[in-house]
Amino acid sequence: MTASRVVLARHGCISLAWSLLLWALTPAAYALIETYEFSSPALEQRYQVLSQELRCPKCQNQNIADSNAPIARDLRVVLVEQLEAGQTDEQILAFMVARYGEFVRYRPTVDRNTALLWWAPGLLIGAGFVALAFHFKGRRRVAAPALTATEAAQLKKLMENDSL
């Protein structure tokens, strides 16, 4: 190879490396880090707690703090606005529940609609223990009846034949 070809080949590799690096970093440019300015550190702490408590209506298994869905972003903005307006945590949660239903909370309140959700695990465990108790109660060991003389003789004969 001539020197000019080596330089061109090396330049091509460097260009390819830069292209791959820029291509790999492109998604990071689209990542959005939301920052909100709060009037006090206490409001920021309440924001962190409430954003962990509220579930994203679209993602279903993510809270609004972790979700990138547009509805989650909107809920975070509403949460900041209500915190800055002086709403209590209970008022904010009541607003979100009124708008999106009890599903928006990770820990729904115990009421007529969610009682089974809260009590079902305990009821099922209790039912399992009751079933086990009945199962083992019905299986009491009964002593095997004694062998009759003819049965004992047959058993002795079988054992003698096996030992040969």
C-alpha atoms as a PDB file:
ATOM      1  CA  MET A   1       0.000   0.000   0.000  1.00  0.00           C
ATOM      2  CA  THR A   2       1.104   3.463  -0.708  1.00  0.00           C
ATOM      3  CA  ALA A   3       1.307   6.081   1.983  1.00  0.00           C
ATOM      4  CA  SER A   4      -1.714   7.939   0.625  1.00  0.00           C
ATOM      5  CA  ARG A   5      -3.856   4.823   0.806  1.00  0.00           C
ATOM      6  CA  VAL A   6      -2.796   4.200   4.408  1.00  0.00           C
ATOM      7  CA  VAL A   7      -3.744   7.767   5.316  1.00  0.00           C
ATOM      8  CA  LEU A   8      -7.113   7.416   3.578  1.00  0.00           C
ATOM      9  CA  ALA A   9      -7.802   4.064   5.253  1.00  0.00           C
ATOM     10  CA  ARG A  10      -6.890   5.481   8.650  1.00  0.00           C
ATOM     11  CA  HIS A  11      -9.049   8.565   8.038  1.00  0.00           C
ATOM     12  CA  GLY A  12     -11.964   6.299   7.068  1.00  0.00           C
ATOM     13  CA  CYS A  13     -11.632   4.288  10.293  1.00  0.00           C
ATOM     14  CA  ILE A  14     -11.528   7.438  12.388  1.00  0.00           C
ATOM     15  CA  SER A  15     -14.586   8.816  10.606  1.00  0.00           C
ATOM     16  CA  LEU A  16     -16.393   5.548  11.132  1.00  0.00           C
ATOM     17  CA  ALA A  17     -15.484   5.548  14.827  1.00  0.00           C
ATOM     18  CA  TRP A  18     -16.770   9.114  15.254  1.00  0.00           C
ATOM     19  CA  SER A  19     -19.959   8.283  13.385  1.00  0.00           C
ATOM     20  CA  LEU A  20     -20.601   5.244  15.577  1.00  0.00           C
ATOM     21  CA  LEU A  21     -19.910   7.239  18.730  1.00  0.00           C
ATOM     22  CA  LEU A  22     -22.299  10.007  17.719  1.00  0.00           C
ATOM     23  CA  TRP A  23     -24.930   7.459  16.706  1.00  0.00           C
ATOM     24  CA  ALA A  24     -24.627   5.727  20.098  1.00  0.00           C
ATOM     25  CA  LEU A  25     -24.982   9.022  21.993  1.00  0.00           C
ATOM     26  CA  THR A  26     -27.989  10.302  20.049  1.00  0.00           C
ATOM     27  CA  PRO A  27     -30.666   8.824  22.393  1.00  0.00           C
ATOM     28  CA  ALA A  28     -29.018  10.586  25.340  1.00  0.00           C
ATOM     29  CA  ALA A  29     -29.661  13.904  23.610  1.00  0.00           C
ATOM     30  CA  TYR A  30     -33.380  13.193  23.561  1.00  0.00           C
ATOM     31  CA  ALA A  31     -33.544  12.229  27.229  1.00  0.00           C
ATOM     32  CA  LEU A  32     -35.394  14.829  29.236  1.00  0.00           C
ATOM     33  CA  ILE A  33     -34.572  15.628  32.803  1.00  0.00           C
ATOM     34  CA  GLU A  34     -37.337  17.682  34.307  1.00  0.00           C
ATOM     35  CA  THR A  35     -36.367  20.111  36.977  1.00  0.00           C
ATOM     36  CA  TYR A  36     -38.830  22.121  38.966  1.00  0.00           C
ATOM     37  CA  GLU A  37     -38.041  25.032  41.181  1.00  0.00           C
ATOM     38  CA  PHE A  38     -39.819  24.877  44.498  1.00  0.00           C
ATOM     39  CA  SER A  39     -40.322  27.710  46.928  1.00  0.00           C
ATOM     40  CA  SER A  40     -39.081  25.530  49.796  1.00  0.00           C
ATOM     41  CA  PRO A  41     -37.215  22.263  50.321  1.00  0.00           C
ATOM     42  CA  ALA A  42     -40.270  20.889  52.168  1.00  0.00           C
ATOM     43  CA  LEU A  43     -42.357  21.230  48.990  1.00  0.00           C
ATOM     44  CA  GLU A  44     -39.688  19.422  47.007  1.00  0.00           C
ATOM     45  CA  GLN A  45     -39.705  16.596  49.555  1.00  0.00           C
ATOM     46  CA  ARG A  46     -43.520  16.367  49.364  1.00  0.00           C
ATOM     47  CA  TYR A  47     -43.255  16.329  45.566  1.00  0.00           C
ATOM     48  CA  GLN A  48     -40.862  13.370  45.720  1.00  0.00           C
ATOM     49  CA  VAL A  49     -43.157  11.426  48.055  1.00  0.00           C
ATOM     50  CA  LEU A  50     -46.346  12.173  46.106  1.00  0.00           C
ATOM     51  CA  SER A  51     -44.792  11.446  42.709  1.00  0.00           C
ATOM     52  CA  GLN A  52     -43.787   8.026  44.035  1.00  0.00           C
ATOM     53  CA  GLU A  53     -47.316   7.453  45.395  1.00  0.00           C
ATOM     54  CA  LEU A  54     -49.171   8.301  42.176  1.00  0.00           C
ATOM     55  CA  ARG A  55     -49.382   5.705  39.405  1.00  0.00           C
ATOM     56  CA  CYS A  56     -49.152   6.614  35.740  1.00  0.00           C
ATOM     57  CA  PRO A  57     -52.593   5.990  34.177  1.00  0.00           C
ATOM     58  CA  LYS A  58     -50.996   4.860  30.919  1.00  0.00           C
ATOM     59  CA  CYS A  59     -48.027   2.803  32.115  1.00  0.00           C
ATOM     60  CA  GLN A  60     -49.960   1.079  34.911  1.00  0.00           C
ATOM     61  CA  ASN A  61     -46.925  -0.332  36.663  1.00  0.00           C
ATOM     62  CA  GLN A  62     -44.849   2.836  36.957  1.00  0.00           C
ATOM     63  CA  ASN A  63     -45.273   5.832  39.152  1.00  0.00           C
ATOM     64  CA  ILE A  64     -45.399   9.278  37.606  1.00  0.00           C
ATOM     65  CA  ALA A  65     -41.844   9.992  38.743  1.00  0.00           C
ATOM     66  CA  ASP A  66     -40.419   7.145  36.626  1.00  0.00           C
ATOM     67  CA  SER A  67     -42.752   7.316  33.616  1.00  0.00           C
ATOM     68  CA  ASN A  68     -41.935   9.144  30.394  1.00  0.00           C
ATOM     69  CA  ALA A  69     -45.527   9.022  29.143  1.00  0.00           C
ATOM     70  CA  PRO A  70     -47.037  12.414  28.244  1.00  0.00           C
ATOM     71  CA  ILE A  71     -49.849  11.952  30.790  1.00  0.00           C
ATOM     72  CA  ALA A  72     -47.248  11.359  33.529  1.00  0.00           C
ATOM     73  CA  ARG A  73     -45.462  14.569  32.557  1.00  0.00           C
ATOM     74  CA  ASP A  74     -48.785  16.426  32.744  1.00  0.00           C
ATOM     75  CA  LEU A  75     -49.515  14.937  36.155  1.00  0.00           C
ATOM     76  CA  ARG A  76     -46.095  16.018  37.427  1.00  0.00           C
ATOM     77  CA  VAL A  77     -46.829  19.589  36.278  1.00  0.00           C
ATOM     78  CA  VAL A  78     -50.248  19.521  37.962  1.00  0.00           C
ATOM     79  CA  LEU A  79     -48.617  18.138  41.114  1.00  0.00           C
ATOM     80  CA  VAL A  80     -46.089  20.988  41.202  1.00  0.00           C
ATOM     81  CA  GLU A  81     -48.806  23.580  40.586  1.00  0.00           C
ATOM     82  CA  GLN A  82     -50.975  22.220  43.383  1.00  0.00           C
ATOM     83  CA  LEU A  83     -48.061  22.017  45.809  1.00  0.00           C
ATOM     84  CA  GLU A  84     -47.114  25.612  45.083  1.00  0.00           C
ATOM     85  CA  ALA A  85     -50.792  26.630  45.472  1.00  0.00           C
ATOM     86  CA  GLY A  86     -50.714  25.377  49.062  1.00  0.00           C
ATOM     87  CA  GLN A  87     -52.789  22.197  48.680  1.00  0.00           C
ATOM     88  CA  THR A  88     -52.279  19.488  51.298  1.00  0.00           C
ATOM     89  CA  ASP A  89     -51.210  15.976  50.341  1.00  0.00           C
ATOM     90  CA  GLU A  90     -54.730  14.715  51.047  1.00  0.00           C
ATOM     91  CA  GLN A  91     -56.285  17.384  48.824  1.00  0.00           C
ATOM     92  CA  ILE A  92     -53.888  16.582  45.988  1.00  0.00           C
ATOM     93  CA  LEU A  93     -54.559  12.846  46.263  1.00  0.00           C
ATOM     94  CA  ALA A  94     -58.310  13.483  46.406  1.00  0.00           C
ATOM     95  CA  PHE A  95     -58.066  15.613  43.253  1.00  0.00           C
ATOM     96  CA  MET A  96     -56.114  12.924  41.398  1.00  0.00           C
ATOM     97  CA  VAL A  97     -58.515  10.177  42.534  1.00  0.00           C
ATOM     98  CA  ALA A  98     -61.535  12.258  41.519  1.00  0.00           C
ATOM     99  CA  ARG A  99     -60.025  12.776  38.091  1.00  0.00           C
ATOM    100  CA  TYR A 100     -58.427   9.372  37.372  1.00  0.00           C
ATOM    101  CA  GLY A 101     -60.049   7.001  39.853  1.00  0.00           C
ATOM    102  CA  GLU A 102     -58.615   5.045  42.766  1.00  0.00           C
ATOM    103  CA  PHE A 103     -56.300   3.253  40.310  1.00  0.00           C
ATOM    104  CA  VAL A 104     -53.995   6.286  40.245  1.00  0.00           C
ATOM    105  CA  ARG A 105     -52.852   5.503  43.800  1.00  0.00           C
ATOM    106  CA  TYR A 106     -50.376   2.733  44.519  1.00  0.00           C
ATOM    107  CA  ARG A 107     -51.889   2.304  47.989  1.00  0.00           C
ATOM    108  CA  PRO A 108     -55.627   2.831  47.589  1.00  0.00           C
ATOM    109  CA  THR A 109     -57.681   3.661  50.651  1.00  0.00           C
ATOM    110  CA  VAL A 110     -59.758   0.958  52.320  1.00  0.00           C
ATOM    111  CA  ASP A 111     -63.384   1.490  51.372  1.00  0.00           C
ATOM    112  CA  ARG A 112     -66.315  -0.496  50.046  1.00  0.00           C
ATOM    113  CA  ASN A 113     -64.766  -0.826  46.592  1.00  0.00           C
ATOM    114  CA  THR A 114     -61.266  -1.853  47.702  1.00  0.00           C
ATOM    115  CA  ALA A 115     -62.045  -3.934  50.792  1.00  0.00           C
ATOM    116  CA  LEU A 116     -61.588  -7.230  48.960  1.00  0.00           C
ATOM    117  CA  LEU A 117     -58.270  -6.011  47.562  1.00  0.00           C
ATOM    118  CA  TRP A 118     -56.979  -5.345  51.071  1.00  0.00           C
ATOM    119  CA  TRP A 119     -58.502  -8.318  52.897  1.00  0.00           C
ATOM    120  CA  ALA A 120     -58.226 -11.057  50.261  1.00  0.00           C
ATOM    121  CA  PRO A 121     -54.622 -12.082  51.077  1.00  0.00           C
ATOM    122  CA  GLY A 122     -55.418 -12.565  54.769  1.00  0.00           C
ATOM    123  CA  LEU A 123     -58.675 -14.346  54.000  1.00  0.00           C
ATOM    124  CA  LEU A 124     -56.964 -16.688  51.551  1.00  0.00           C
ATOM    125  CA  ILE A 125     -54.164 -17.523  53.989  1.00  0.00           C
ATOM    126  CA  GLY A 126     -56.730 -18.147  56.742  1.00  0.00           C
ATOM    127  CA  ALA A 127     -58.782 -20.384  54.429  1.00  0.00           C
ATOM    128  CA  GLY A 128     -55.621 -22.314  53.578  1.00  0.00           C
ATOM    129  CA  PHE A 129     -54.857 -22.931  57.259  1.00  0.00           C
ATOM    130  CA  VAL A 130     -58.440 -24.083  57.888  1.00  0.00           C
ATOM    131  CA  ALA A 131     -58.229 -26.451  54.896  1.00  0.00           C
ATOM    132  CA  LEU A 132     -54.923 -27.856  56.158  1.00  0.00           C
ATOM    133  CA  ALA A 133     -56.395 -28.361  59.631  1.00  0.00           C
ATOM    134  CA  PHE A 134     -59.354 -30.301  58.212  1.00  0.00           C
ATOM    135  CA  HIS A 135     -57.044 -32.289  55.969  1.00  0.00           C
ATOM    136  CA  PHE A 136     -54.743 -33.382  58.774  1.00  0.00           C
ATOM    137  CA  LYS A 137     -57.590 -33.891  61.221  1.00  0.00           C
ATOM    138  CA  GLY A 138     -59.215 -36.389  58.837  1.00  0.00           C
ATOM    139  CA  ARG A 139     -55.943 -38.281  58.393  1.00  0.00           C
ATOM    140  CA  ARG A 140     -55.468 -39.478  61.935  1.00  0.00           C
ATOM    141  CA  ARG A 141     -53.305 -42.528  62.067  1.00  0.00           C
ATOM    142  CA  VAL A 142     -55.215 -45.697  62.711  1.00  0.00           C
ATOM    143  CA  ALA A 143     -53.249 -48.655  64.018  1.00  0.00           C
ATOM    144  CA  ALA A 144     -53.010 -51.476  61.512  1.00  0.00           C
ATOM    145  CA  PRO A 145     -54.956 -54.581  62.601  1.00  0.00           C
ATOM    146  CA  ALA A 146     -52.893 -57.500  63.871  1.00  0.00           C
ATOM    147  CA  LEU A 147     -52.150 -60.349  61.466  1.00  0.00           C
ATOM    148  CA  THR A 148     -54.126 -63.509  61.799  1.00  0.00           C
ATOM    149  CA  ALA A 149     -52.275 -66.808  62.221  1.00  0.00           C
ATOM    150  CA  THR A 150     -52.743 -67.765  58.554  1.00  0.00           C
ATOM    151  CA  GLU A 151     -51.551 -64.356  57.359  1.00  0.00           C
ATOM    152  CA  ALA A 152     -48.486 -64.600  59.594  1.00  0.00           C
ATOM    153  CA  ALA A 153     -47.706 -68.056  58.183  1.00  0.00           C
ATOM    154  CA  GLN A 154     -48.065 -66.775  54.587  1.00  0.00           C
ATOM    155  CA  LEU A 155     -45.795 -63.832  55.338  1.00  0.00           C
ATOM    156  CA  LYS A 156     -43.176 -66.093  56.910  1.00  0.00           C
ATOM    157  CA  LYS A 157     -43.301 -68.395  53.869  1.00  0.00           C
ATOM    158  CA  LEU A 158     -42.875 -65.447  51.460  1.00  0.00           C
ATOM    159  CA  MET A 159     -39.926 -64.096  53.415  1.00  0.00           C
ATOM    160  CA  GLU A 160     -38.215 -67.484  53.437  1.00  0.00           C
ATOM    161  CA  ASN A 161     -38.637 -67.777  49.654  1.00  0.00           C
ATOM    162  CA  ASP A 162     -37.117 -64.311  49.090  1.00  0.00           C
ATOM    163  CA  SER A 163     -34.066 -65.017  51.198  1.00  0.00           C
ATOM    164  CA  LEU A 164     -33.014 -67.988  49.037  1.00  0.00           C
END
